[in-house]
Amino acid sequence: MPSSHASIDDLSSEISYDSEEEYHLAQREWEESLHQLQQILSAVLLPFVGKWLGRRWSYWAYARYLRHGHVVKWS
């Protein structure tokens, strides 16, 4: 009879060990996915946004130049 209790305890510890192992595996995969997403953002999205902002600024600067001309203010 005591051996049946020991086998049930062993089985429950194996189940909890498997669930912990699965949790750590899922956590590791989640962290890898976040790392890949961060790489995509830094390699694709940031240069695109920088290019877009640069063009907007240059259009604004050129339009201001056309309105005011080349004005140099000496203090």
C-alpha atoms as a PDB file:
ATOM      1  CA  MET A   1       0.000   0.000   0.000  1.00  0.00           C
ATOM      2  CA  PRO A   2       2.703   2.561   0.813  1.00  0.00           C
ATOM      3  CA  SER A   3       4.307   1.889  -2.543  1.00  0.00           C
ATOM      4  CA  SER A   4       1.130   3.039  -4.321  1.00  0.00           C
ATOM      5  CA  HIS A   5       1.284   6.361  -2.471  1.00  0.00           C
ATOM      6  CA  ALA A   6       4.907   6.764  -3.461  1.00  0.00           C
ATOM      7  CA  SER A   7       4.124   6.145  -7.104  1.00  0.00           C
ATOM      8  CA  ILE A   8       1.314   8.732  -7.040  1.00  0.00           C
ATOM      9  CA  ASP A   9       3.688  11.260  -5.470  1.00  0.00           C
ATOM     10  CA  ASP A  10       6.335  10.444  -8.057  1.00  0.00           C
ATOM     11  CA  LEU A  11       3.781  10.876 -10.838  1.00  0.00           C
ATOM     12  CA  SER A  12       2.628  14.265  -9.529  1.00  0.00           C
ATOM     13  CA  SER A  13       6.226  15.468  -9.219  1.00  0.00           C
ATOM     14  CA  GLU A  14       6.911  14.385 -12.809  1.00  0.00           C
ATOM     15  CA  ILE A  15       3.823  16.234 -14.002  1.00  0.00           C
ATOM     16  CA  SER A  16       4.820  19.405 -12.167  1.00  0.00           C
ATOM     17  CA  TYR A  17       8.370  19.071 -13.503  1.00  0.00           C
ATOM     18  CA  ASP A  18       7.044  18.768 -17.046  1.00  0.00           C
ATOM     19  CA  SER A  19       4.803  21.799 -16.631  1.00  0.00           C
ATOM     20  CA  GLU A  20       7.706  23.838 -15.223  1.00  0.00           C
ATOM     21  CA  GLU A  21       9.876  22.722 -18.113  1.00  0.00           C
ATOM     22  CA  GLU A  22       7.162  23.701 -20.596  1.00  0.00           C
ATOM     23  CA  TYR A  23       6.776  27.064 -18.863  1.00  0.00           C
ATOM     24  CA  HIS A  24      10.507  27.789 -19.125  1.00  0.00           C
ATOM     25  CA  LEU A  25      10.523  26.685 -22.756  1.00  0.00           C
ATOM     26  CA  ALA A  26       7.558  28.957 -23.541  1.00  0.00           C
ATOM     27  CA  GLN A  27       9.239  31.842 -21.680  1.00  0.00           C
ATOM     28  CA  ARG A  28      12.451  31.342 -23.662  1.00  0.00           C
ATOM     29  CA  GLU A  29      10.537  31.258 -26.963  1.00  0.00           C
ATOM     30  CA  TRP A  30       8.669  34.438 -25.980  1.00  0.00           C
ATOM     31  CA  GLU A  31      11.932  36.228 -25.226  1.00  0.00           C
ATOM     32  CA  GLU A  32      13.401  35.088 -28.558  1.00  0.00           C
ATOM     33  CA  SER A  33      10.306  36.374 -30.362  1.00  0.00           C
ATOM     34  CA  LEU A  34      10.635  39.759 -28.660  1.00  0.00           C
ATOM     35  CA  HIS A  35      14.307  39.890 -29.611  1.00  0.00           C
ATOM     36  CA  GLN A  36      13.444  39.136 -33.255  1.00  0.00           C
ATOM     37  CA  LEU A  37      10.748  41.814 -33.222  1.00  0.00           C
ATOM     38  CA  GLN A  38      13.233  44.309 -31.817  1.00  0.00           C
ATOM     39  CA  GLN A  39      15.696  43.457 -34.594  1.00  0.00           C
ATOM     40  CA  ILE A  40      13.017  43.915 -37.253  1.00  0.00           C
ATOM     41  CA  LEU A  41      12.067  47.298 -35.800  1.00  0.00           C
ATOM     42  CA  SER A  42      15.640  48.505 -35.656  1.00  0.00           C
ATOM     43  CA  ALA A  43      16.540  47.202 -39.128  1.00  0.00           C
ATOM     44  CA  VAL A  44      13.406  48.140 -41.074  1.00  0.00           C
ATOM     45  CA  LEU A  45      11.108  50.532 -39.275  1.00  0.00           C
ATOM     46  CA  LEU A  46      13.592  52.998 -37.778  1.00  0.00           C
ATOM     47  CA  PRO A  47      15.397  53.738 -41.067  1.00  0.00           C
ATOM     48  CA  PHE A  48      12.033  54.182 -42.802  1.00  0.00           C
ATOM     49  CA  VAL A  49      10.806  56.613 -40.148  1.00  0.00           C
ATOM     50  CA  GLY A  50      14.119  58.467 -40.188  1.00  0.00           C
ATOM     51  CA  LYS A  51      13.968  58.823 -43.955  1.00  0.00           C
ATOM     52  CA  TRP A  52      10.379  60.072 -43.777  1.00  0.00           C
ATOM     53  CA  LEU A  53      11.182  62.617 -41.039  1.00  0.00           C
ATOM     54  CA  GLY A  54      14.269  63.777 -42.906  1.00  0.00           C
ATOM     55  CA  ARG A  55      12.294  64.408 -46.040  1.00  0.00           C
ATOM     56  CA  ARG A  56       9.579  66.303 -44.150  1.00  0.00           C
ATOM     57  CA  TRP A  57      12.195  68.484 -42.491  1.00  0.00           C
ATOM     58  CA  SER A  58      13.982  69.161 -45.774  1.00  0.00           C
ATOM     59  CA  TYR A  59      10.716  70.128 -47.507  1.00  0.00           C
ATOM     60  CA  TRP A  60       9.924  72.465 -44.628  1.00  0.00           C
ATOM     61  CA  ALA A  61      13.421  73.968 -44.678  1.00  0.00           C
ATOM     62  CA  TYR A  62      13.339  74.479 -48.460  1.00  0.00           C
ATOM     63  CA  ALA A  63       9.880  76.102 -48.309  1.00  0.00           C
ATOM     64  CA  ARG A  64      11.119  78.436 -45.574  1.00  0.00           C
ATOM     65  CA  TYR A  65      14.159  79.285 -47.687  1.00  0.00           C
ATOM     66  CA  LEU A  66      11.909  80.123 -50.646  1.00  0.00           C
ATOM     67  CA  ARG A  67       9.723  82.378 -48.463  1.00  0.00           C
ATOM     68  CA  HIS A  68      12.439  84.250 -46.619  1.00  0.00           C
ATOM     69  CA  GLY A  69      15.465  83.878 -48.837  1.00  0.00           C
ATOM     70  CA  HIS A  70      18.918  83.481 -47.448  1.00  0.00           C
ATOM     71  CA  VAL A  71      18.757  85.722 -44.414  1.00  0.00           C
ATOM     72  CA  VAL A  72      21.800  85.946 -42.195  1.00  0.00           C
ATOM     73  CA  LYS A  73      21.263  87.828 -38.970  1.00  0.00           C
ATOM     74  CA  TRP A  74      24.385  89.178 -37.353  1.00  0.00           C
ATOM     75  CA  SER A  75      24.184  89.938 -33.687  1.00  0.00           C
END
